[in-house]
Structure formats: C-alpha cells, structure tokens
All heavy atoms as atom14 arrays in JSON, in Angstrom:
{
  "sequence": "TAFDHNAKFAMQYFRKGMRVGVQGMLHSTVKKTKSGDTVYPVSVTTKQ",
  "atom14_mask": [
    [1, 1, 1, 1, 1, 1, 1, 0, 0, 0, 0, 0, 0, 0],
    [1, 1, 1, 1, 1, 0, 0, 0, 0, 0, 0, 0, 0, 0],
    [1, 1, 1, 1, 1, 1, 1, 1, 1, 1, 1, 0, 0, 0],
    [1, 1, 1, 1, 1, 1, 1, 1, 0, 0, 0, 0, 0, 0],
    [1, 1, 1, 1, 1, 1, 1, 1, 1, 1, 0, 0, 0, 0],
    [1, 1, 1, 1, 1, 1, 1, 1, 0, 0, 0, 0, 0, 0],
    [1, 1, 1, 1, 1, 0, 0, 0, 0, 0, 0, 0, 0, 0],
    [1, 1, 1, 1, 1, 1, 1, 1, 1, 0, 0, 0, 0, 0],
    [1, 1, 1, 1, 1, 1, 1, 1, 1, 1, 1, 0, 0, 0],
    [1, 1, 1, 1, 1, 0, 0, 0, 0, 0, 0, 0, 0, 0],
    [1, 1, 1, 1, 1, 1, 1, 1, 0, 0, 0, 0, 0, 0],
    [1, 1, 1, 1, 1, 1, 1, 1, 1, 0, 0, 0, 0, 0],
    [1, 1, 1, 1, 1, 1, 1, 1, 1, 1, 1, 1, 0, 0],
    [1, 1, 1, 1, 1, 1, 1, 1, 1, 1, 1, 0, 0, 0],
    [1, 1, 1, 1, 1, 1, 1, 1, 1, 1, 1, 0, 0, 0],
    [1, 1, 1, 1, 1, 1, 1, 1, 1, 0, 0, 0, 0, 0],
    [1, 1, 1, 1, 0, 0, 0, 0, 0, 0, 0, 0, 0, 0],
    [1, 1, 1, 1, 1, 1, 1, 1, 0, 0, 0, 0, 0, 0],
    [1, 1, 1, 1, 1, 1, 1, 1, 1, 1, 1, 0, 0, 0],
    [1, 1, 1, 1, 1, 1, 1, 0, 0, 0, 0, 0, 0, 0],
    [1, 1, 1, 1, 0, 0, 0, 0, 0, 0, 0, 0, 0, 0],
    [1, 1, 1, 1, 1, 1, 1, 0, 0, 0, 0, 0, 0, 0],
    [1, 1, 1, 1, 1, 1, 1, 1, 1, 0, 0, 0, 0, 0],
    [1, 1, 1, 1, 0, 0, 0, 0, 0, 0, 0, 0, 0, 0],
    [1, 1, 1, 1, 1, 1, 1, 1, 0, 0, 0, 0, 0, 0],
    [1, 1, 1, 1, 1, 1, 1, 1, 0, 0, 0, 0, 0, 0],
    [1, 1, 1, 1, 1, 1, 1, 1, 1, 1, 0, 0, 0, 0],
    [1, 1, 1, 1, 1, 1, 0, 0, 0, 0, 0, 0, 0, 0],
    [1, 1, 1, 1, 1, 1, 1, 0, 0, 0, 0, 0, 0, 0],
    [1, 1, 1, 1, 1, 1, 1, 0, 0, 0, 0, 0, 0, 0],
    [1, 1, 1, 1, 1, 1, 1, 1, 1, 0, 0, 0, 0, 0],
    [1, 1, 1, 1, 1, 1, 1, 1, 1, 0, 0, 0, 0, 0],
    [1, 1, 1, 1, 1, 1, 1, 0, 0, 0, 0, 0, 0, 0],
    [1, 1, 1, 1, 1, 1, 1, 1, 1, 0, 0, 0, 0, 0],
    [1, 1, 1, 1, 1, 1, 0, 0, 0, 0, 0, 0, 0, 0],
    [1, 1, 1, 1, 0, 0, 0, 0, 0, 0, 0, 0, 0, 0],
    [1, 1, 1, 1, 1, 1, 1, 1, 0, 0, 0, 0, 0, 0],
    [1, 1, 1, 1, 1, 1, 1, 0, 0, 0, 0, 0, 0, 0],
    [1, 1, 1, 1, 1, 1, 1, 0, 0, 0, 0, 0, 0, 0],
    [1, 1, 1, 1, 1, 1, 1, 1, 1, 1, 1, 1, 0, 0],
    [1, 1, 1, 1, 1, 1, 1, 0, 0, 0, 0, 0, 0, 0],
    [1, 1, 1, 1, 1, 1, 1, 0, 0, 0, 0, 0, 0, 0],
    [1, 1, 1, 1, 1, 1, 0, 0, 0, 0, 0, 0, 0, 0],
    [1, 1, 1, 1, 1, 1, 1, 0, 0, 0, 0, 0, 0, 0],
    [1, 1, 1, 1, 1, 1, 1, 0, 0, 0, 0, 0, 0, 0],
    [1, 1, 1, 1, 1, 1, 1, 0, 0, 0, 0, 0, 0, 0],
    [1, 1, 1, 1, 1, 1, 1, 1, 1, 0, 0, 0, 0, 0],
    [1, 1, 1, 1, 1, 1, 1, 1, 1, 0, 0, 0, 0, 0]
  ],
  "atom14_positions": [
    [[-38.39, -98.52, 40.09], [-38.67, -97.43, 41.01], [-38.43, -96.12, 40.29], [-37.37, -95.94, 39.67], [-37.77, -97.52, 42.26], [-37.91, -98.81, 42.84], [-38.13, -96.47, 43.28], [0.0, 0.0, 0.0], [0.0, 0.0, 0.0], [0.0, 0.0, 0.0], [0.0, 0.0, 0.0], [0.0, 0.0, 0.0], [0.0, 0.0, 0.0], [0.0, 0.0, 0.0]],
    [[-39.4, -95.2, 40.37], [-39.29, -93.9, 39.73], [-39.34, -92.81, 40.8], [-40.16, -92.88, 41.73], [-40.41, -93.71, 38.72], [0.0, 0.0, 0.0], [0.0, 0.0, 0.0], [0.0, 0.0, 0.0], [0.0, 0.0, 0.0], [0.0, 0.0, 0.0], [0.0, 0.0, 0.0], [0.0, 0.0, 0.0], [0.0, 0.0, 0.0], [0.0, 0.0, 0.0]],
    [[-38.48, -91.81, 40.68], [-38.43, -90.68, 41.61], [-38.77, -89.38, 40.88], [-38.74, -89.31, 39.65], [-37.02, -90.56, 42.22], [-36.64, -91.72, 43.08], [-35.98, -92.82, 42.53], [-36.94, -91.74, 44.43], [-35.63, -93.91, 43.32], [-36.58, -92.82, 45.23], [-35.94, -93.91, 44.67], [0.0, 0.0, 0.0], [0.0, 0.0, 0.0], [0.0, 0.0, 0.0]],
    [[-39.07, -88.35, 41.64], [-39.25, -86.98, 41.16], [-40.24, -86.9, 40.0], [-41.34, -87.4, 40.08], [-37.9, -86.36, 40.8], [-36.94, -86.33, 41.98], [-37.41, -86.1, 43.11], [-35.73, -86.54, 41.77], [0.0, 0.0, 0.0], [0.0, 0.0, 0.0], [0.0, 0.0, 0.0], [0.0, 0.0, 0.0], [0.0, 0.0, 0.0], [0.0, 0.0, 0.0]],
    [[-39.8, -86.26, 38.88], [-40.7, -86.07, 37.74], [-41.1, -87.39, 37.08], [-42.2, -87.51, 36.57], [-40.09, -85.1, 36.71], [-38.87, -85.63, 36.04], [-37.63, -85.58, 36.62], [-38.72, -86.23, 34.84], [-36.75, -86.13, 35.8], [-37.38, -86.53, 34.72], [0.0, 0.0, 0.0], [0.0, 0.0, 0.0], [0.0, 0.0, 0.0], [0.0, 0.0, 0.0]],
    [[-40.22, -88.38, 37.13], [-40.58, -89.7, 36.57], [-41.71, -90.34, 37.38], [-42.6, -90.97, 36.81], [-39.38, -90.64, 36.55], [-38.47, -90.38, 35.38], [-38.88, -89.88, 34.34], [-37.2, -90.7, 35.54], [0.0, 0.0, 0.0], [0.0, 0.0, 0.0], [0.0, 0.0, 0.0], [0.0, 0.0, 0.0], [0.0, 0.0, 0.0], [0.0, 0.0, 0.0]],
    [[-41.69, -90.16, 38.69], [-42.75, -90.71, 39.54], [-44.07, -90.03, 39.24], [-45.11, -90.68, 39.11], [-42.39, -90.56, 41.01], [0.0, 0.0, 0.0], [0.0, 0.0, 0.0], [0.0, 0.0, 0.0], [0.0, 0.0, 0.0], [0.0, 0.0, 0.0], [0.0, 0.0, 0.0], [0.0, 0.0, 0.0], [0.0, 0.0, 0.0], [0.0, 0.0, 0.0]],
    [[-44.05, -88.72, 39.1], [-45.28, -87.98, 38.78], [-45.81, -88.39, 37.42], [-47.02, -88.57, 37.24], [-45.0, -86.47, 38.83], [-44.74, -85.97, 40.23], [-44.38, -84.5, 40.24], [-44.0, -84.08, 41.66], [-43.46, -82.74, 41.71], [0.0, 0.0, 0.0], [0.0, 0.0, 0.0], [0.0, 0.0, 0.0], [0.0, 0.0, 0.0], [0.0, 0.0, 0.0]],
    [[-44.93, -88.55, 36.44], [-45.32, -88.96, 35.09], [-45.96, -90.36, 35.13], [-47.03, -90.58, 34.57], [-44.09, -88.97, 34.17], [-44.38, -89.39, 32.77], [-44.84, -88.48, 31.84], [-44.2, -90.71, 32.38], [-45.11, -88.87, 30.54], [-44.47, -91.11, 31.09], [-44.92, -90.18, 30.16], [0.0, 0.0, 0.0], [0.0, 0.0, 0.0], [0.0, 0.0, 0.0]],
    [[-45.3, -91.29, 35.8], [-45.81, -92.66, 35.88], [-47.16, -92.71, 36.58], [-48.09, -93.4, 36.14], [-44.81, -93.57, 36.59], [0.0, 0.0, 0.0], [0.0, 0.0, 0.0], [0.0, 0.0, 0.0], [0.0, 0.0, 0.0], [0.0, 0.0, 0.0], [0.0, 0.0, 0.0], [0.0, 0.0, 0.0], [0.0, 0.0, 0.0], [0.0, 0.0, 0.0]],
    [[-47.3, -91.97, 37.67], [-48.56, -91.96, 38.4], [-49.69, -91.36, 37.57], [-50.83, -91.81, 37.65], [-48.42, -91.18, 39.72], [-47.58, -91.86, 40.76], [-48.15, -93.52, 41.18], [-49.81, -93.21, 41.73], [0.0, 0.0, 0.0], [0.0, 0.0, 0.0], [0.0, 0.0, 0.0], [0.0, 0.0, 0.0], [0.0, 0.0, 0.0], [0.0, 0.0, 0.0]],
    [[-49.37, -90.39, 36.75], [-50.4, -89.72, 35.97], [-50.81, -90.53, 34.73], [-51.99, -90.59, 34.4], [-49.93, -88.34, 35.53], [-50.99, -87.55, 34.81], [-50.6, -86.1, 34.58], [-49.48, -85.7, 34.87], [-51.52, -85.32, 34.05], [0.0, 0.0, 0.0], [0.0, 0.0, 0.0], [0.0, 0.0, 0.0], [0.0, 0.0, 0.0], [0.0, 0.0, 0.0]],
    [[-49.85, -91.18, 34.05], [-50.15, -91.77, 32.76], [-50.05, -93.29, 32.67], [-50.66, -93.89, 31.79], [-49.24, -91.17, 31.69], [-49.46, -89.69, 31.51], [-48.47, -88.77, 31.82], [-50.68, -89.21, 31.05], [-48.68, -87.41, 31.66], [-50.9, -87.86, 30.88], [-49.89, -86.96, 31.18], [-50.11, -85.62, 31.02], [0.0, 0.0, 0.0], [0.0, 0.0, 0.0]],
    [[-49.28, -93.94, 33.52], [-49.09, -95.39, 33.39], [-50.24, -96.14, 34.04], [-50.65, -95.83, 35.15], [-47.77, -95.82, 34.04], [-46.55, -95.56, 33.18], [-46.61, -94.81, 32.02], [-45.33, -96.08, 33.55], [-45.49, -94.59, 31.24], [-44.19, -95.87, 32.78], [-44.28, -95.12, 31.62], [0.0, 0.0, 0.0], [0.0, 0.0, 0.0], [0.0, 0.0, 0.0]],
    [[-50.72, -97.18, 33.35], [-51.8, -98.03, 33.85], [-51.48, -99.49, 33.52], [-50.79, -99.79, 32.54], [-53.14, -97.66, 33.22], [-53.65, -96.28, 33.61], [-53.99, -96.22, 35.09], [-54.32, -94.88, 35.54], [-53.49, -94.08, 36.2], [-52.28, -94.44, 36.48], [-53.88, -92.89, 36.59], [0.0, 0.0, 0.0], [0.0, 0.0, 0.0], [0.0, 0.0, 0.0]],
    [[-52.01, -100.38, 34.32], [-51.83, -101.82, 34.15], [-52.12, -102.22, 32.7], [-53.09, -101.77, 32.1], [-52.79, -102.57, 35.08], [-52.72, -104.06, 34.95], [-53.71, -104.73, 35.87], [-53.66, -106.24, 35.69], [-54.58, -106.9, 36.61], [0.0, 0.0, 0.0], [0.0, 0.0, 0.0], [0.0, 0.0, 0.0], [0.0, 0.0, 0.0], [0.0, 0.0, 0.0]],
    [[-51.23, -103.04, 32.14], [-51.39, -103.56, 30.79], [-50.74, -102.72, 29.71], [-50.56, -103.21, 28.59], [0.0, 0.0, 0.0], [0.0, 0.0, 0.0], [0.0, 0.0, 0.0], [0.0, 0.0, 0.0], [0.0, 0.0, 0.0], [0.0, 0.0, 0.0], [0.0, 0.0, 0.0], [0.0, 0.0, 0.0], [0.0, 0.0, 0.0], [0.0, 0.0, 0.0]],
    [[-50.39, -101.46, 30.0], [-49.74, -100.61, 29.0], [-48.35, -101.14, 28.67], [-47.66, -101.68, 29.53], [-49.59, -99.18, 29.52], [-50.86, -98.4, 29.6], [-50.58, -96.73, 30.26], [-49.68, -95.98, 28.92], [0.0, 0.0, 0.0], [0.0, 0.0, 0.0], [0.0, 0.0, 0.0], [0.0, 0.0, 0.0], [0.0, 0.0, 0.0], [0.0, 0.0, 0.0]],
    [[-47.96, -100.96, 27.43], [-46.6, -101.3, 27.0], [-45.76, -100.04, 27.16], [-46.1, -98.99, 26.63], [-46.62, -101.75, 25.55], [-45.37, -102.41, 25.12], [-45.61, -103.17, 23.81], [-44.38, -103.65, 23.3], [-43.79, -103.18, 22.2], [-44.36, -102.24, 21.49], [-42.64, -103.66, 21.82], [0.0, 0.0, 0.0], [0.0, 0.0, 0.0], [0.0, 0.0, 0.0]],
    [[-44.69, -100.14, 27.95], [-43.87, -98.97, 28.28], [-42.39, -99.26, 28.03], [-41.96, -100.42, 28.01], [-44.06, -98.54, 29.75], [-45.51, -98.13, 30.01], [-43.64, -99.63, 30.71], [0.0, 0.0, 0.0], [0.0, 0.0, 0.0], [0.0, 0.0, 0.0], [0.0, 0.0, 0.0], [0.0, 0.0, 0.0], [0.0, 0.0, 0.0], [0.0, 0.0, 0.0]],
    [[-41.64, -98.2, 27.85], [-40.19, -98.27, 27.75], [-39.59, -97.64, 28.99], [-40.03, -96.57, 29.42], [0.0, 0.0, 0.0], [0.0, 0.0, 0.0], [0.0, 0.0, 0.0], [0.0, 0.0, 0.0], [0.0, 0.0, 0.0], [0.0, 0.0, 0.0], [0.0, 0.0, 0.0], [0.0, 0.0, 0.0], [0.0, 0.0, 0.0], [0.0, 0.0, 0.0]],
    [[-38.59, -98.29, 29.55], [-37.93, -97.79, 30.76], [-36.43, -97.8, 30.53], [-35.87, -98.81, 30.11], [-38.27, -98.68, 31.99], [-37.52, -98.21, 33.22], [-39.77, -98.7, 32.24], [0.0, 0.0, 0.0], [0.0, 0.0, 0.0], [0.0, 0.0, 0.0], [0.0, 0.0, 0.0], [0.0, 0.0, 0.0], [0.0, 0.0, 0.0], [0.0, 0.0, 0.0]],
    [[-35.8, -96.67, 30.8], [-34.34, -96.59, 30.79], [-33.91, -96.2, 32.19], [-34.57, -95.4, 32.86], [-33.84, -95.54, 29.8], [-34.12, -95.89, 28.37], [-33.64, -94.79, 27.43], [-33.52, -93.64, 27.81], [-33.37, -95.17, 26.21], [0.0, 0.0, 0.0], [0.0, 0.0, 0.0], [0.0, 0.0, 0.0], [0.0, 0.0, 0.0], [0.0, 0.0, 0.0]],
    [[-32.82, -96.8, 32.63], [-32.36, -96.48, 33.97], [-31.11, -97.22, 34.35], [-30.33, -97.63, 33.48], [0.0, 0.0, 0.0], [0.0, 0.0, 0.0], [0.0, 0.0, 0.0], [0.0, 0.0, 0.0], [0.0, 0.0, 0.0], [0.0, 0.0, 0.0], [0.0, 0.0, 0.0], [0.0, 0.0, 0.0], [0.0, 0.0, 0.0], [0.0, 0.0, 0.0]],
    [[-30.95, -97.41, 35.66], [-29.77, -98.09, 36.19], [-30.21, -99.33, 36.96], [-31.23, -99.31, 37.66], [-29.01, -97.16, 37.15], [-28.55, -95.89, 36.51], [-27.62, -94.81, 37.64], [-28.68, -94.75, 39.05], [0.0, 0.0, 0.0], [0.0, 0.0, 0.0], [0.0, 0.0, 0.0], [0.0, 0.0, 0.0], [0.0, 0.0, 0.0], [0.0, 0.0, 0.0]],
    [[-29.45, -100.38, 36.86], [-29.71, -101.6, 37.61], [-29.25, -101.42, 39.04], [-28.16, -100.91, 39.3], [-28.97, -102.77, 36.96], [-29.37, -104.16, 37.4], [-30.82, -104.44, 37.04], [-28.46, -105.19, 36.78], [0.0, 0.0, 0.0], [0.0, 0.0, 0.0], [0.0, 0.0, 0.0], [0.0, 0.0, 0.0], [0.0, 0.0, 0.0], [0.0, 0.0, 0.0]],
    [[-30.12, -101.82, 39.97], [-29.81, -101.69, 41.39], [-29.97, -103.07, 42.03], [-30.97, -103.74, 41.8], [-30.77, -100.69, 42.04], [-30.59, -100.56, 43.51], [-29.56, -99.83, 44.06], [-31.29, -101.06, 44.54], [-29.66, -99.89, 45.37], [-30.7, -100.63, 45.69], [0.0, 0.0, 0.0], [0.0, 0.0, 0.0], [0.0, 0.0, 0.0], [0.0, 0.0, 0.0]],
    [[-28.99, -103.5, 42.77], [-29.1, -104.81, 43.43], [-28.78, -104.68, 44.92], [-28.1, -103.75, 45.35], [-28.16, -105.83, 42.79], [-26.82, -105.5, 43.02], [0.0, 0.0, 0.0], [0.0, 0.0, 0.0], [0.0, 0.0, 0.0], [0.0, 0.0, 0.0], [0.0, 0.0, 0.0], [0.0, 0.0, 0.0], [0.0, 0.0, 0.0], [0.0, 0.0, 0.0]],
    [[-29.31, -105.62, 45.68], [-29.04, -105.68, 47.11], [-28.65, -107.11, 47.46], [-28.75, -108.01, 46.64], [-30.29, -105.28, 47.93], [-31.36, -106.14, 47.56], [-30.68, -103.84, 47.68], [0.0, 0.0, 0.0], [0.0, 0.0, 0.0], [0.0, 0.0, 0.0], [0.0, 0.0, 0.0], [0.0, 0.0, 0.0], [0.0, 0.0, 0.0], [0.0, 0.0, 0.0]],
    [[-28.21, -107.31, 48.67], [-27.86, -108.64, 49.15], [-28.8, -108.97, 50.3], [-28.94, -108.19, 51.24], [-26.39, -108.71, 49.62], [-26.06, -110.09, 50.13], [-25.44, -108.3, 48.51], [0.0, 0.0, 0.0], [0.0, 0.0, 0.0], [0.0, 0.0, 0.0], [0.0, 0.0, 0.0], [0.0, 0.0, 0.0], [0.0, 0.0, 0.0], [0.0, 0.0, 0.0]],
    [[-29.46, -110.12, 50.21], [-30.38, -110.53, 51.27], [-30.18, -112.0, 51.6], [-29.79, -112.79, 50.75], [-31.83, -110.31, 50.84], [-32.21, -108.87, 50.67], [-33.68, -108.7, 50.37], [-34.02, -107.23, 50.26], [-35.44, -107.01, 50.01], [0.0, 0.0, 0.0], [0.0, 0.0, 0.0], [0.0, 0.0, 0.0], [0.0, 0.0, 0.0], [0.0, 0.0, 0.0]],
    [[-30.46, -112.35, 52.83], [-30.44, -113.75, 53.27], [-31.87, -114.26, 53.33], [-32.75, -113.58, 53.86], [-29.81, -113.89, 54.66], [-28.34, -113.58, 54.7], [-27.55, -114.79, 54.34], [-26.07, -114.49, 54.56], [-25.25, -115.58, 54.14], [0.0, 0.0, 0.0], [0.0, 0.0, 0.0], [0.0, 0.0, 0.0], [0.0, 0.0, 0.0], [0.0, 0.0, 0.0]],
    [[-32.11, -115.46, 52.78], [-33.43, -116.06, 52.86], [-33.6, -116.75, 54.2], [-32.64, -116.9, 54.96], [-33.65, -117.08, 51.72], [-32.71, -118.15, 51.91], [-33.45, -116.44, 50.36], [0.0, 0.0, 0.0], [0.0, 0.0, 0.0], [0.0, 0.0, 0.0], [0.0, 0.0, 0.0], [0.0, 0.0, 0.0], [0.0, 0.0, 0.0], [0.0, 0.0, 0.0]],
    [[-34.81, -117.21, 54.5], [-35.07, -117.93, 55.75], [-34.25, -119.2, 55.84], [-33.89, -119.65, 56.92], [-36.56, -118.26, 55.86], [-37.42, -117.05, 56.08], [-38.89, -117.43, 56.18], [-39.74, -116.19, 56.37], [-41.16, -116.52, 56.46], [0.0, 0.0, 0.0], [0.0, 0.0, 0.0], [0.0, 0.0, 0.0], [0.0, 0.0, 0.0], [0.0, 0.0, 0.0]],
    [[-33.95, -119.77, 54.67], [-33.16, -121.0, 54.66], [-31.65, -120.74, 54.73], [-30.85, -121.67, 54.73], [-33.48, -121.83, 53.42], [-33.14, -121.11, 52.25], [0.0, 0.0, 0.0], [0.0, 0.0, 0.0], [0.0, 0.0, 0.0], [0.0, 0.0, 0.0], [0.0, 0.0, 0.0], [0.0, 0.0, 0.0], [0.0, 0.0, 0.0], [0.0, 0.0, 0.0]],
    [[-31.27, -119.45, 54.78], [-29.85, -119.12, 54.92], [-29.14, -118.86, 53.6], [-27.95, -118.56, 53.61], [0.0, 0.0, 0.0], [0.0, 0.0, 0.0], [0.0, 0.0, 0.0], [0.0, 0.0, 0.0], [0.0, 0.0, 0.0], [0.0, 0.0, 0.0], [0.0, 0.0, 0.0], [0.0, 0.0, 0.0], [0.0, 0.0, 0.0], [0.0, 0.0, 0.0]],
    [[-29.84, -119.01, 52.48], [-29.21, -118.74, 51.18], [-29.06, -117.23, 50.98], [-29.84, -116.44, 51.47], [-30.06, -119.3, 50.04], [-30.16, -120.82, 50.1], [-29.2, -121.46, 50.59], [-31.19, -121.36, 49.65], [0.0, 0.0, 0.0], [0.0, 0.0, 0.0], [0.0, 0.0, 0.0], [0.0, 0.0, 0.0], [0.0, 0.0, 0.0], [0.0, 0.0, 0.0]],
    [[-28.04, -116.86, 50.22], [-27.85, -115.47, 49.86], [-28.44, -115.24, 48.48], [-28.15, -115.98, 47.55], [-26.35, -115.11, 49.83], [-25.8, -115.38, 51.13], [-26.14, -113.65, 49.5], [0.0, 0.0, 0.0], [0.0, 0.0, 0.0], [0.0, 0.0, 0.0], [0.0, 0.0, 0.0], [0.0, 0.0, 0.0], [0.0, 0.0, 0.0], [0.0, 0.0, 0.0]],
    [[-29.3, -114.21, 48.36], [-29.89, -113.87, 47.07], [-29.56, -112.41, 46.75], [-29.26, -111.61, 47.65], [-31.43, -114.08, 47.05], [-31.76, -115.55, 47.17], [-32.1, -113.29, 48.14], [0.0, 0.0, 0.0], [0.0, 0.0, 0.0], [0.0, 0.0, 0.0], [0.0, 0.0, 0.0], [0.0, 0.0, 0.0], [0.0, 0.0, 0.0], [0.0, 0.0, 0.0]],
    [[-29.59, -112.08, 45.47], [-29.25, -110.75, 45.01], [-30.41, -110.18, 44.18], [-30.35, -110.17, 42.95], [-27.97, -110.8, 44.16], [-26.8, -111.37, 44.9], [-26.51, -112.74, 44.85], [-25.98, -110.55, 45.66], [-25.45, -113.26, 45.55], [-24.9, -111.07, 46.35], [-24.64, -112.43, 46.29], [-23.57, -112.94, 46.98], [0.0, 0.0, 0.0], [0.0, 0.0, 0.0]],
    [[-31.48, -109.72, 44.85], [-32.6, -109.17, 44.09], [-32.19, -107.89, 43.36], [-31.4, -107.1, 43.88], [-33.66, -108.88, 45.15], [-32.97, -108.96, 46.45], [-31.7, -109.68, 46.27], [0.0, 0.0, 0.0], [0.0, 0.0, 0.0], [0.0, 0.0, 0.0], [0.0, 0.0, 0.0], [0.0, 0.0, 0.0], [0.0, 0.0, 0.0], [0.0, 0.0, 0.0]],
    [[-32.73, -107.72, 42.15], [-32.4, -106.55, 41.35], [-33.66, -105.76, 41.02], [-34.77, -106.3, 41.01], [-31.67, -106.91, 40.04], [-30.33, -107.56, 40.32], [-32.53, -107.81, 39.18], [0.0, 0.0, 0.0], [0.0, 0.0, 0.0], [0.0, 0.0, 0.0], [0.0, 0.0, 0.0], [0.0, 0.0, 0.0], [0.0, 0.0, 0.0], [0.0, 0.0, 0.0]],
    [[-33.49, -104.48, 40.77], [-34.57, -103.62, 40.31], [-33.95, -102.55, 39.42], [-32.73, -102.39, 39.37], [-35.31, -102.99, 41.48], [-34.47, -102.13, 42.2], [0.0, 0.0, 0.0], [0.0, 0.0, 0.0], [0.0, 0.0, 0.0], [0.0, 0.0, 0.0], [0.0, 0.0, 0.0], [0.0, 0.0, 0.0], [0.0, 0.0, 0.0], [0.0, 0.0, 0.0]],
    [[-34.8, -101.81, 38.73], [-34.34, -100.72, 37.88], [-34.76, -99.39, 38.5], [-35.93, -99.21, 38.82], [-34.91, -100.85, 36.45], [-34.56, -99.64, 35.61], [-34.41, -102.13, 35.78], [0.0, 0.0, 0.0], [0.0, 0.0, 0.0], [0.0, 0.0, 0.0], [0.0, 0.0, 0.0], [0.0, 0.0, 0.0], [0.0, 0.0, 0.0], [0.0, 0.0, 0.0]],
    [[-33.8, -98.5, 38.69], [-34.09, -97.13, 39.1], [-34.19, -96.32, 37.82], [-33.22, -96.25, 37.06], [-32.99, -96.58, 40.01], [-32.88, -97.41, 41.16], [-33.29, -95.16, 40.44], [0.0, 0.0, 0.0], [0.0, 0.0, 0.0], [0.0, 0.0, 0.0], [0.0, 0.0, 0.0], [0.0, 0.0, 0.0], [0.0, 0.0, 0.0], [0.0, 0.0, 0.0]],
    [[-35.36, -95.73, 37.56], [-35.62, -95.13, 36.26], [-34.91, -93.8, 36.07], [-34.75, -93.03, 37.0], [-37.13, -94.93, 36.04], [-37.6, -93.95, 36.95], [-37.89, -96.22, 36.21], [0.0, 0.0, 0.0], [0.0, 0.0, 0.0], [0.0, 0.0, 0.0], [0.0, 0.0, 0.0], [0.0, 0.0, 0.0], [0.0, 0.0, 0.0], [0.0, 0.0, 0.0]],
    [[-34.51, -93.56, 34.84], [-33.98, -92.27, 34.4], [-34.91, -91.65, 33.37], [-35.06, -90.44, 33.3], [-32.59, -92.44, 33.76], [-31.51, -92.78, 34.74], [-31.11, -91.55, 35.5], [-29.88, -91.84, 36.33], [-29.55, -90.77, 37.22], [0.0, 0.0, 0.0], [0.0, 0.0, 0.0], [0.0, 0.0, 0.0], [0.0, 0.0, 0.0], [0.0, 0.0, 0.0]],
    [[-35.54, -92.5, 32.54], [-36.46, -92.01, 31.51], [-37.58, -93.03, 31.31], [-37.33, -94.24, 31.29], [-35.73, -91.79, 30.19], [-36.61, -91.24, 29.1], [-35.84, -90.9, 27.84], [-34.63, -90.78, 27.85], [-36.56, -90.76, 26.75], [0.0, 0.0, 0.0], [0.0, 0.0, 0.0], [0.0, 0.0, 0.0], [0.0, 0.0, 0.0], [0.0, 0.0, 0.0]]
  ]
}
C-alpha cells in the first residue's frame, strides 16, 4: 500500500510486469476465517 507522493508515483509510472524495489514497514492484522482459524495477513506500507 502506497500513500501520498508514493501513491502518485506508483500510479504514474508502475505497470504490470515491471520489476520494482519497495522499502517500507511490515503491517499485519488478525482475522478469523470462516472455519474459525486465526490468520495473520501481512502487507507492506511503502516508504520508498
């Protein structure tokens, strides 16, 4: 996920298939599945 200037940059220049470098912070949440299991999905919040 990219915010502010990173979002504008990604929208303007990034396209499917491009090789990119991403620096940022790992973000995780806690969710329950339909079967009752607990999962911890992760994503990267971009800094550069």
